[in-house]
Amino acid sequence: MKNILALVDFSEITAEVVTQSARLASIFQAKCWILHVAAPDPDFVGFKVGPEYIRDARAEELRSEHRRLAEFQQQVSEQGVTCTALLVQGHTGQAILEEVEKLEIGLIVLGSHGHGAVYEIFAGSVAGFLLQKSPVPLYVLPAGTARVRPVQSEGRS
């Protein structure tokens, strides 16, 4: 296993997903990839149509997400783990599968939000989608495991 993918959505469990991904990457001497899939731009928000304030707000949101990813990448890199953070736009599940193939990922680390059955029926979940479609193993952190602590790695210098 040479590539581990940490899926982040900036929820409460994100820091733990990054921490566990860095730990596993250190153990397996793998590269850690941190991926956030941003929602695609609405059809009416293009460069030639749509109100400018909507484009500006969307651009600021993407810049903010990019900055947060860069902070996670720096934390992991400071632990001696090779790390690259990526922000892509698109349908979440499909975008993840495309990156898994392109980056030759061997393990996906993600968090579960612990939504109830009704939510899952109507909205689904990324974890549920990946359980059905992922070509590689998943390491799913259950809801409620989020801890506030720095990224830790083991035995890698």
C-alpha atoms as a PDB file:
ATOM      1  CA  MET A   1       0.000   0.000   0.000  1.00  0.00           C
ATOM      2  CA  LYS A   2       1.764   3.118  -1.229  1.00  0.00           C
ATOM      3  CA  ASN A   3      -1.060   5.688  -1.205  1.00  0.00           C
ATOM      4  CA  ILE A   4      -3.643   6.417   1.495  1.00  0.00           C
ATOM      5  CA  LEU A   5      -6.540   8.777   0.846  1.00  0.00           C
ATOM      6  CA  ALA A   6      -8.038  10.864   3.658  1.00  0.00           C
ATOM      7  CA  LEU A   7     -11.493  12.159   2.760  1.00  0.00           C
ATOM      8  CA  VAL A   8     -12.320  15.418   4.501  1.00  0.00           C
ATOM      9  CA  ASP A   9     -15.476  17.490   4.637  1.00  0.00           C
ATOM     10  CA  PHE A  10     -14.448  19.904   7.418  1.00  0.00           C
ATOM     11  CA  SER A  11     -16.930  18.398   9.870  1.00  0.00           C
ATOM     12  CA  GLU A  12     -16.087  17.599  13.494  1.00  0.00           C
ATOM     13  CA  ILE A  13     -14.452  14.297  12.546  1.00  0.00           C
ATOM     14  CA  THR A  14     -12.110  15.755   9.902  1.00  0.00           C
ATOM     15  CA  ALA A  15      -9.126  16.258  12.217  1.00  0.00           C
ATOM     16  CA  GLU A  16      -9.359  12.643  13.382  1.00  0.00           C
ATOM     17  CA  VAL A  17      -9.567  11.401   9.779  1.00  0.00           C
ATOM     18  CA  VAL A  18      -6.376  13.311   8.977  1.00  0.00           C
ATOM     19  CA  THR A  19      -4.674  12.085  12.155  1.00  0.00           C
ATOM     20  CA  GLN A  20      -5.509   8.441  11.479  1.00  0.00           C
ATOM     21  CA  SER A  21      -4.514   8.746   7.827  1.00  0.00           C
ATOM     22  CA  ALA A  22      -1.131  10.206   8.786  1.00  0.00           C
ATOM     23  CA  ARG A  23      -0.616   7.437  11.352  1.00  0.00           C
ATOM     24  CA  LEU A  24      -1.427   4.722   8.817  1.00  0.00           C
ATOM     25  CA  ALA A  25       0.731   6.368   6.149  1.00  0.00           C
ATOM     26  CA  SER A  26       3.617   6.415   8.594  1.00  0.00           C
ATOM     27  CA  ILE A  27       3.153   2.763   9.521  1.00  0.00           C
ATOM     28  CA  PHE A  28       2.941   1.633   5.881  1.00  0.00           C
ATOM     29  CA  GLN A  29       5.493   4.192   4.648  1.00  0.00           C
ATOM     30  CA  ALA A  30       2.857   5.410   2.233  1.00  0.00           C
ATOM     31  CA  LYS A  31       2.012   8.804   0.827  1.00  0.00           C
ATOM     32  CA  CYS A  32      -0.988  10.514   2.404  1.00  0.00           C
ATOM     33  CA  TRP A  33      -3.410  12.258   0.078  1.00  0.00           C
ATOM     34  CA  ILE A  34      -6.005  14.573   1.624  1.00  0.00           C
ATOM     35  CA  LEU A  35      -9.047  15.077  -0.589  1.00  0.00           C
ATOM     36  CA  HIS A  36     -11.979  17.441  -0.283  1.00  0.00           C
ATOM     37  CA  VAL A  37     -14.671  17.324  -2.933  1.00  0.00           C
ATOM     38  CA  ALA A  38     -16.377  20.693  -3.235  1.00  0.00           C
ATOM     39  CA  ALA A  39     -19.820  20.980  -4.714  1.00  0.00           C
ATOM     40  CA  PRO A  40     -19.822  21.820  -8.395  1.00  0.00           C
ATOM     41  CA  ASP A  41     -20.630  25.388  -9.322  1.00  0.00           C
ATOM     42  CA  PRO A  42     -24.334  25.905  -9.982  1.00  0.00           C
ATOM     43  CA  ASP A  43     -25.157  26.130 -13.675  1.00  0.00           C
ATOM     44  CA  PHE A  44     -26.067  29.791 -13.355  1.00  0.00           C
ATOM     45  CA  VAL A  45     -22.702  30.726 -11.814  1.00  0.00           C
ATOM     46  CA  GLY A  46     -20.431  31.028 -14.812  1.00  0.00           C
ATOM     47  CA  PHE A  47     -17.981  33.606 -15.916  1.00  0.00           C
ATOM     48  CA  LYS A  48     -20.470  35.317 -18.198  1.00  0.00           C
ATOM     49  CA  VAL A  49     -23.791  34.860 -16.413  1.00  0.00           C
ATOM     50  CA  GLY A  50     -25.079  35.142 -12.870  1.00  0.00           C
ATOM     51  CA  PRO A  51     -24.669  37.899 -10.325  1.00  0.00           C
ATOM     52  CA  GLU A  52     -21.081  38.837  -9.523  1.00  0.00           C
ATOM     53  CA  TYR A  53     -21.674  38.610  -5.756  1.00  0.00           C
ATOM     54  CA  ILE A  54     -22.567  34.918  -6.100  1.00  0.00           C
ATOM     55  CA  ARG A  55     -19.375  34.212  -8.063  1.00  0.00           C
ATOM     56  CA  ASP A  56     -17.347  36.154  -5.498  1.00  0.00           C
ATOM     57  CA  ALA A  57     -18.905  34.304  -2.563  1.00  0.00           C
ATOM     58  CA  ARG A  58     -18.288  30.944  -4.232  1.00  0.00           C
ATOM     59  CA  ALA A  59     -14.683  31.878  -5.023  1.00  0.00           C
ATOM     60  CA  GLU A  60     -14.100  32.922  -1.396  1.00  0.00           C
ATOM     61  CA  GLU A  61     -15.603  29.633  -0.161  1.00  0.00           C
ATOM     62  CA  LEU A  62     -13.230  27.657  -2.394  1.00  0.00           C
ATOM     63  CA  ARG A  63     -10.232  29.748  -1.257  1.00  0.00           C
ATOM     64  CA  SER A  64     -11.160  29.109   2.373  1.00  0.00           C
ATOM     65  CA  GLU A  65     -11.443  25.354   1.780  1.00  0.00           C
ATOM     66  CA  HIS A  66      -8.100  25.376  -0.017  1.00  0.00           C
ATOM     67  CA  ARG A  67      -6.427  27.183   2.916  1.00  0.00           C
ATOM     68  CA  ARG A  68      -7.823  24.639   5.380  1.00  0.00           C
ATOM     69  CA  LEU A  69      -6.542  21.774   3.234  1.00  0.00           C
ATOM     70  CA  ALA A  70      -3.101  23.394   3.083  1.00  0.00           C
ATOM     71  CA  GLU A  71      -3.059  23.564   6.903  1.00  0.00           C
ATOM     72  CA  PHE A  72      -3.850  19.839   7.163  1.00  0.00           C
ATOM     73  CA  GLN A  73      -1.170  19.061   4.569  1.00  0.00           C
ATOM     74  CA  GLN A  74       1.393  21.054   6.546  1.00  0.00           C
ATOM     75  CA  GLN A  75       0.460  19.273   9.806  1.00  0.00           C
ATOM     76  CA  VAL A  76       0.933  15.863   8.216  1.00  0.00           C
ATOM     77  CA  SER A  77       4.157  16.872   6.459  1.00  0.00           C
ATOM     78  CA  GLU A  78       5.584  18.164   9.738  1.00  0.00           C
ATOM     79  CA  GLN A  79       5.195  14.607  11.071  1.00  0.00           C
ATOM     80  CA  GLY A  80       7.556  13.315   8.367  1.00  0.00           C
ATOM     81  CA  VAL A  81       4.806  11.882   6.169  1.00  0.00           C
ATOM     82  CA  THR A  82       4.738  12.783   2.492  1.00  0.00           C
ATOM     83  CA  CYS A  83       1.400  14.480   1.918  1.00  0.00           C
ATOM     84  CA  THR A  84      -0.519  16.265  -0.815  1.00  0.00           C
ATOM     85  CA  ALA A  85      -3.892  17.953  -0.365  1.00  0.00           C
ATOM     86  CA  LEU A  86      -6.354  18.184  -3.231  1.00  0.00           C
ATOM     87  CA  LEU A  87      -9.558  20.122  -3.735  1.00  0.00           C
ATOM     88  CA  VAL A  88     -11.706  18.964  -6.628  1.00  0.00           C
ATOM     89  CA  GLN A  89     -15.225  19.896  -7.644  1.00  0.00           C
ATOM     90  CA  GLY A  90     -17.902  17.478  -8.702  1.00  0.00           C
ATOM     91  CA  HIS A  91     -20.312  14.796  -7.574  1.00  0.00           C
ATOM     92  CA  THR A  92     -18.713  13.581  -4.356  1.00  0.00           C
ATOM     93  CA  GLY A  93     -18.847   9.814  -4.847  1.00  0.00           C
ATOM     94  CA  GLN A  94     -17.839   9.836  -8.486  1.00  0.00           C
ATOM     95  CA  ALA A  95     -15.043  12.364  -7.908  1.00  0.00           C
ATOM     96  CA  ILE A  96     -13.624  10.184  -5.120  1.00  0.00           C
ATOM     97  CA  LEU A  97     -13.653   7.080  -7.304  1.00  0.00           C
ATOM     98  CA  GLU A  98     -11.888   8.970 -10.094  1.00  0.00           C
ATOM     99  CA  GLU A  99      -9.159  10.153  -7.700  1.00  0.00           C
ATOM    100  CA  VAL A 100      -8.780   6.651  -6.223  1.00  0.00           C
ATOM    101  CA  GLU A 101      -8.042   5.297  -9.676  1.00  0.00           C
ATOM    102  CA  LYS A 102      -5.851   8.192 -10.803  1.00  0.00           C
ATOM    103  CA  LEU A 103      -3.734   8.238  -7.616  1.00  0.00           C
ATOM    104  CA  GLU A 104      -3.546   4.441  -7.269  1.00  0.00           C
ATOM    105  CA  ILE A 105      -4.976   4.598  -3.750  1.00  0.00           C
ATOM    106  CA  GLY A 106      -4.682   1.467  -1.602  1.00  0.00           C
ATOM    107  CA  LEU A 107      -6.836   2.560   1.376  1.00  0.00           C
ATOM    108  CA  ILE A 108      -9.495   5.223   1.954  1.00  0.00           C
ATOM    109  CA  VAL A 109      -9.910   6.773   5.408  1.00  0.00           C
ATOM    110  CA  LEU A 110     -13.158   8.617   6.087  1.00  0.00           C
ATOM    111  CA  GLY A 111     -15.505   9.556   8.879  1.00  0.00           C
ATOM    112  CA  SER A 112     -19.103   8.575   9.364  1.00  0.00           C
ATOM    113  CA  HIS A 113     -21.540  11.217  10.539  1.00  0.00           C
ATOM    114  CA  GLY A 114     -23.927   8.803  12.224  1.00  0.00           C
ATOM    115  CA  HIS A 115     -27.067  10.048  10.501  1.00  0.00           C
ATOM    116  CA  GLY A 116     -30.189   8.013  11.108  1.00  0.00           C
ATOM    117  CA  ALA A 117     -31.913   5.601   8.746  1.00  0.00           C
ATOM    118  CA  VAL A 118     -34.394   8.198   7.435  1.00  0.00           C
ATOM    119  CA  TYR A 119     -31.555  10.502   6.401  1.00  0.00           C
ATOM    120  CA  GLU A 120     -29.757   7.617   4.698  1.00  0.00           C
ATOM    121  CA  ILE A 121     -32.879   6.658   2.745  1.00  0.00           C
ATOM    122  CA  PHE A 122     -33.427  10.155   1.373  1.00  0.00           C
ATOM    123  CA  ALA A 123     -29.952  11.647   1.204  1.00  0.00           C
ATOM    124  CA  GLY A 124     -27.621   8.667   1.245  1.00  0.00           C
ATOM    125  CA  SER A 125     -24.067   9.037   2.418  1.00  0.00           C
ATOM    126  CA  VAL A 126     -20.591   9.056   1.005  1.00  0.00           C
ATOM    127  CA  ALA A 127     -19.643   6.163   3.308  1.00  0.00           C
ATOM    128  CA  GLY A 128     -22.613   4.131   2.070  1.00  0.00           C
ATOM    129  CA  PHE A 129     -21.805   4.891  -1.552  1.00  0.00           C
ATOM    130  CA  LEU A 130     -18.166   3.901  -1.093  1.00  0.00           C
ATOM    131  CA  LEU A 131     -19.098   0.718   0.770  1.00  0.00           C
ATOM    132  CA  GLN A 132     -20.919  -0.333  -2.390  1.00  0.00           C
ATOM    133  CA  LYS A 133     -18.591   1.059  -5.070  1.00  0.00           C
ATOM    134  CA  SER A 134     -15.041   1.350  -3.717  1.00  0.00           C
ATOM    135  CA  PRO A 135     -12.436  -0.867  -5.381  1.00  0.00           C
ATOM    136  CA  VAL A 136     -10.168  -0.518  -2.307  1.00  0.00           C
ATOM    137  CA  PRO A 137     -10.627  -1.096   1.446  1.00  0.00           C
ATOM    138  CA  LEU A 138     -12.225   1.568   3.622  1.00  0.00           C
ATOM    139  CA  TYR A 139     -11.196   2.601   7.116  1.00  0.00           C
ATOM    140  CA  VAL A 140     -14.316   4.272   8.517  1.00  0.00           C
ATOM    141  CA  LEU A 141     -14.135   6.265  11.739  1.00  0.00           C
ATOM    142  CA  PRO A 142     -17.523   6.182  13.474  1.00  0.00           C
ATOM    143  CA  ALA A 143     -19.316   9.361  14.481  1.00  0.00           C
ATOM    144  CA  GLY A 144     -18.382  10.500  17.945  1.00  0.00           C
ATOM    145  CA  THR A 145     -14.699   9.539  17.685  1.00  0.00           C
ATOM    146  CA  ALA A 146     -13.575  13.059  16.899  1.00  0.00           C
ATOM    147  CA  ARG A 147     -10.893  14.233  19.286  1.00  0.00           C
ATOM    148  CA  VAL A 148      -9.114  17.523  19.314  1.00  0.00           C
ATOM    149  CA  ARG A 149      -5.414  16.666  19.162  1.00  0.00           C
ATOM    150  CA  PRO A 150      -2.498  17.277  16.832  1.00  0.00           C
ATOM    151  CA  VAL A 151      -1.685  14.971  13.973  1.00  0.00           C
ATOM    152  CA  GLN A 152       0.525  12.132  15.252  1.00  0.00           C
ATOM    153  CA  SER A 153       2.621   9.686  13.317  1.00  0.00           C
ATOM    154  CA  GLU A 154       4.711   6.773  14.463  1.00  0.00           C
ATOM    155  CA  GLY A 155       8.290   5.882  13.675  1.00  0.00           C
ATOM    156  CA  ARG A 156       8.904   7.911  10.556  1.00  0.00           C
ATOM    157  CA  SER A 157      11.602  10.518  10.263  1.00  0.00           C
END
